[in-house]
Amino acid sequence: MKKARSRKGMAVVSIVIMLGIIHLVIIGSVTSGARHSNVQTLRLETLRAFLAADSGVIQWIRLDAAGLTPEPGATVDIGTQRIVFVSSPGTGEAGTVVVEGQSGRARRRVAVDVE
């Protein structure tokens, strides 16, 4: 009788240990997947921020050709992205145009020398 109880007790203990190990493996894989997802999201936001900054430079060139340049600090929203004109020379002048693109947590700056 004591052997049967001992075997039942060992079976319960081994099942609890196996469930604990399975639980830890699942938690580890979910946590790893969440970290990977956050990194991928930041990469996508970084690319969008760079493309917004590039679009801002193109927009500045078009405005300069039309005789208008945006003031430093002016912003343009494009969907979830934002273009910020950080600094620029006056209309028709040589200098450096600095445009910042923003998307989510990401920020990218593009500087272009204009002659």
Protein backbone atom coordinates (compact mmCIF):
# COMPACT_ATOMS: atom_id res chain seq x y z
CA MET A 1 0.00 0.00 0.00
CA LYS A 2 2.81 2.39 0.87
CA LYS A 3 4.55 1.66 -2.47
CA ALA A 4 1.39 2.60 -4.42
CA ARG A 5 1.09 5.93 -2.57
CA SER A 6 4.78 6.58 -3.08
CA ARG A 7 4.43 5.97 -6.83
CA LYS A 8 1.39 8.27 -7.03
CA GLY A 9 3.29 10.97 -5.17
CA MET A 10 6.29 10.66 -7.48
CA ALA A 11 3.99 10.82 -10.52
CA VAL A 12 2.38 14.02 -9.25
CA VAL A 13 5.77 15.58 -8.50
CA SER A 14 7.14 14.67 -11.94
CA ILE A 15 4.02 16.08 -13.67
CA VAL A 16 4.35 19.36 -11.74
CA ILE A 17 8.04 19.61 -12.68
CA MET A 18 7.28 18.88 -16.35
CA LEU A 19 4.54 21.54 -16.38
CA GLY A 20 6.94 24.03 -14.83
CA ILE A 21 9.57 23.35 -17.48
CA ILE A 22 7.01 23.66 -20.29
CA HIS A 23 5.75 26.92 -18.76
CA LEU A 24 9.29 28.37 -18.65
CA VAL A 25 9.96 27.38 -22.27
CA ILE A 26 6.72 29.04 -23.44
CA ILE A 27 7.42 32.23 -21.47
CA GLY A 28 10.96 32.38 -22.89
CA SER A 29 9.80 32.04 -26.47
CA VAL A 30 7.02 34.63 -26.05
CA THR A 31 9.43 37.13 -24.46
CA SER A 32 11.98 36.56 -27.21
CA GLY A 33 9.30 37.06 -29.87
CA ALA A 34 8.17 40.31 -28.26
CA ARG A 35 11.74 41.67 -28.24
CA HIS A 36 12.18 40.70 -31.88
CA SER A 37 8.91 42.42 -32.74
CA ASN A 38 10.00 45.64 -31.00
CA VAL A 39 13.29 45.66 -32.92
CA GLN A 40 11.49 45.15 -36.24
CA THR A 41 9.04 47.95 -35.42
CA LEU A 42 11.90 50.35 -34.62
CA ARG A 43 13.65 49.43 -37.88
CA LEU A 44 10.49 50.19 -39.84
CA GLU A 45 10.00 53.51 -38.02
CA THR A 46 13.64 54.41 -38.72
CA LEU A 47 13.21 53.76 -42.43
CA ARG A 48 10.02 55.82 -42.50
CA ALA A 49 11.76 58.68 -40.65
CA PHE A 50 14.62 58.66 -43.17
CA LEU A 51 12.22 58.68 -46.12
CA ALA A 52 10.29 61.57 -44.53
CA ALA A 53 13.53 63.55 -44.17
CA ASP A 54 14.43 62.80 -47.78
CA SER A 55 10.98 63.96 -48.89
CA GLY A 56 11.50 67.13 -46.87
CA VAL A 57 14.72 67.90 -48.75
CA ILE A 58 12.94 67.42 -52.08
CA GLN A 59 10.12 69.66 -50.88
CA TRP A 60 12.64 72.33 -49.80
CA ILE A 61 14.33 72.23 -53.25
CA ARG A 62 10.96 72.70 -54.97
CA LEU A 63 10.04 75.59 -52.68
CA ASP A 64 13.44 77.22 -53.22
CA ALA A 65 12.98 76.98 -56.99
CA ALA A 66 9.62 78.73 -56.57
CA GLY A 67 11.25 81.51 -54.53
CA LEU A 68 9.88 80.37 -51.15
CA THR A 69 11.79 78.58 -48.41
CA PRO A 70 10.26 77.26 -45.20
CA GLU A 71 11.27 78.92 -41.96
CA PRO A 72 13.45 76.90 -39.57
CA GLY A 73 11.18 74.98 -37.21
CA ALA A 74 8.36 74.66 -39.75
CA THR A 75 6.73 71.23 -39.79
CA VAL A 76 4.77 69.22 -42.32
CA ASP A 77 2.76 66.16 -41.32
CA ILE A 78 2.48 63.29 -43.78
CA GLY A 79 0.26 60.63 -42.26
CA THR A 80 2.05 59.38 -39.17
CA GLN A 81 5.37 60.92 -40.25
CA ARG A 82 6.52 64.48 -39.67
CA ILE A 83 9.02 66.63 -41.54
CA VAL A 84 10.81 69.33 -39.53
CA PHE A 85 12.90 71.94 -41.33
CA VAL A 86 15.74 72.45 -38.84
CA SER A 87 17.83 75.00 -40.73
CA SER A 88 18.14 76.33 -44.25
CA PRO A 89 19.78 79.17 -46.16
CA GLY A 90 17.65 81.97 -47.56
CA THR A 91 15.99 81.77 -50.96
CA GLY A 92 18.62 81.39 -53.69
CA GLU A 93 21.54 81.40 -51.23
CA ALA A 94 24.22 78.72 -50.78
CA GLY A 95 24.39 76.82 -47.51
CA THR A 96 23.32 73.66 -45.75
CA VAL A 97 19.73 72.46 -45.55
CA VAL A 98 19.01 70.29 -42.50
CA VAL A 99 15.73 68.39 -42.43
CA GLU A 100 14.59 65.97 -39.72
CA GLY A 101 12.15 63.16 -40.39
CA GLN A 102 10.14 61.72 -37.51
CA SER A 103 8.13 58.52 -37.33
CA GLY A 104 7.04 57.08 -34.01
CA ARG A 105 10.11 56.80 -31.79
CA ALA A 106 12.58 57.23 -34.67
CA ARG A 107 14.27 60.47 -35.74
CA ARG A 108 16.56 60.87 -38.76
CA ARG A 109 18.31 64.01 -40.00
CA VAL A 110 19.46 64.70 -43.52
CA ALA A 111 21.85 67.54 -44.33
CA VAL A 112 22.34 68.70 -47.92
CA ASP A 113 24.79 71.35 -49.11
CA VAL A 114 23.15 73.70 -51.60
CA GLU A 115 25.18 75.87 -53.97
